Amino acid sequence: MMRKTLIFAACLALAACGQKQTLKPPADTPLPPKPATAPAAPSADDLLKHQPSERPGRSDELLTKSEPRKDDEFNQPPK
């Protein structure tokens, strides 16, 4: 019985971690310092935006022709 209660409590705690709401910096803490190469310090909204490198576009290039693979000289049977 105790084990089921602990499992239920753990699942409930994990479910509470997934709440979605807007992210806001705490009011009493300063933002991170300006990066060395940046012309100005980024705002909180700038820090929350995704950069293209963080979410790269999807490659939808289809395989147009089949080509045989070259032999792999490192593909050796186990000893």
Protein backbone atom coordinates (compact mmCIF):
# COMPACT_ATOMS: atom_id res chain seq x y z
CA MET A 1 0.00 0.00 0.00
CA MET A 2 2.83 2.37 0.90
CA ARG A 3 4.59 1.63 -2.38
CA LYS A 4 1.48 2.49 -4.41
CA THR A 5 1.16 5.75 -2.50
CA LEU A 6 4.80 6.66 -3.23
CA ILE A 7 4.40 5.83 -6.92
CA PHE A 8 1.23 7.93 -7.08
CA ALA A 9 2.96 10.85 -5.33
CA ALA A 10 5.92 10.63 -7.73
CA CYS A 11 3.61 10.61 -10.76
CA LEU A 12 1.68 13.56 -9.37
CA ALA A 13 4.91 15.50 -8.81
CA LEU A 14 6.07 14.76 -12.36
CA ALA A 15 2.73 15.86 -13.78
CA ALA A 16 2.97 19.15 -11.90
CA CYS A 17 6.35 19.84 -13.53
CA GLY A 18 4.73 19.96 -16.96
CA GLN A 19 2.50 22.96 -16.38
CA LYS A 20 2.68 25.44 -19.26
CA GLN A 21 2.64 29.13 -18.63
CA THR A 22 4.58 32.12 -19.90
CA LEU A 23 8.11 32.44 -18.62
CA LYS A 24 8.97 35.62 -16.79
CA PRO A 25 12.20 36.55 -15.03
CA PRO A 26 11.91 37.05 -11.28
CA ALA A 27 11.32 40.70 -10.41
CA ASP A 28 14.11 40.99 -7.84
CA THR A 29 16.93 39.43 -9.91
CA PRO A 30 18.87 41.18 -12.68
CA LEU A 31 19.13 39.81 -16.22
CA PRO A 32 22.40 38.19 -17.32
CA PRO A 33 25.21 40.58 -18.27
CA LYS A 34 25.72 41.78 -21.85
CA PRO A 35 27.68 39.32 -24.02
CA ALA A 36 31.13 40.59 -25.01
CA THR A 37 30.36 40.79 -28.75
CA ALA A 38 26.77 42.07 -28.49
CA PRO A 39 26.06 45.75 -29.21
CA ALA A 40 23.49 45.93 -26.38
CA ALA A 41 22.28 43.81 -23.48
CA PRO A 42 19.40 41.52 -24.56
CA SER A 43 16.00 41.99 -22.94
CA ALA A 44 14.04 39.19 -21.31
CA ASP A 45 11.92 38.74 -24.46
CA ASP A 46 15.05 38.52 -26.61
CA LEU A 47 16.47 35.81 -24.36
CA LEU A 48 13.27 33.74 -24.68
CA LYS A 49 13.15 33.79 -28.51
CA HIS A 50 14.40 30.73 -30.35
CA GLN A 51 17.36 31.20 -32.63
CA PRO A 52 17.30 29.48 -36.06
CA SER A 53 20.21 27.29 -34.98
CA GLU A 54 18.17 26.02 -32.02
CA ARG A 55 15.23 25.05 -34.24
CA PRO A 56 16.67 24.18 -37.62
CA GLY A 57 14.35 23.80 -40.57
CA ARG A 58 13.31 20.35 -41.58
CA SER A 59 14.94 18.78 -44.62
CA ASP A 60 12.25 17.27 -46.81
CA GLU A 61 14.60 16.15 -49.54
CA LEU A 62 13.44 12.79 -50.79
CA LEU A 63 15.72 10.02 -51.93
CA THR A 64 15.57 10.36 -55.69
CA LYS A 65 17.83 7.52 -56.73
CA SER A 66 19.23 4.44 -55.12
CA GLU A 67 23.00 4.04 -55.09
CA PRO A 68 24.93 0.99 -53.91
CA ARG A 69 27.14 1.54 -50.89
CA LYS A 70 30.90 1.28 -51.10
CA ASP A 71 32.61 -1.48 -49.14
CA ASP A 72 33.45 -0.53 -45.58
CA GLU A 73 36.98 -1.68 -44.78
CA PHE A 74 36.27 -1.36 -41.04
CA ASN A 75 33.23 -3.65 -41.13
CA GLN A 76 34.94 -6.76 -39.76
CA PRO A 77 33.28 -9.80 -38.23
CA PRO A 78 33.73 -10.16 -34.46
CA LYS A 79 36.62 -12.32 -33.26
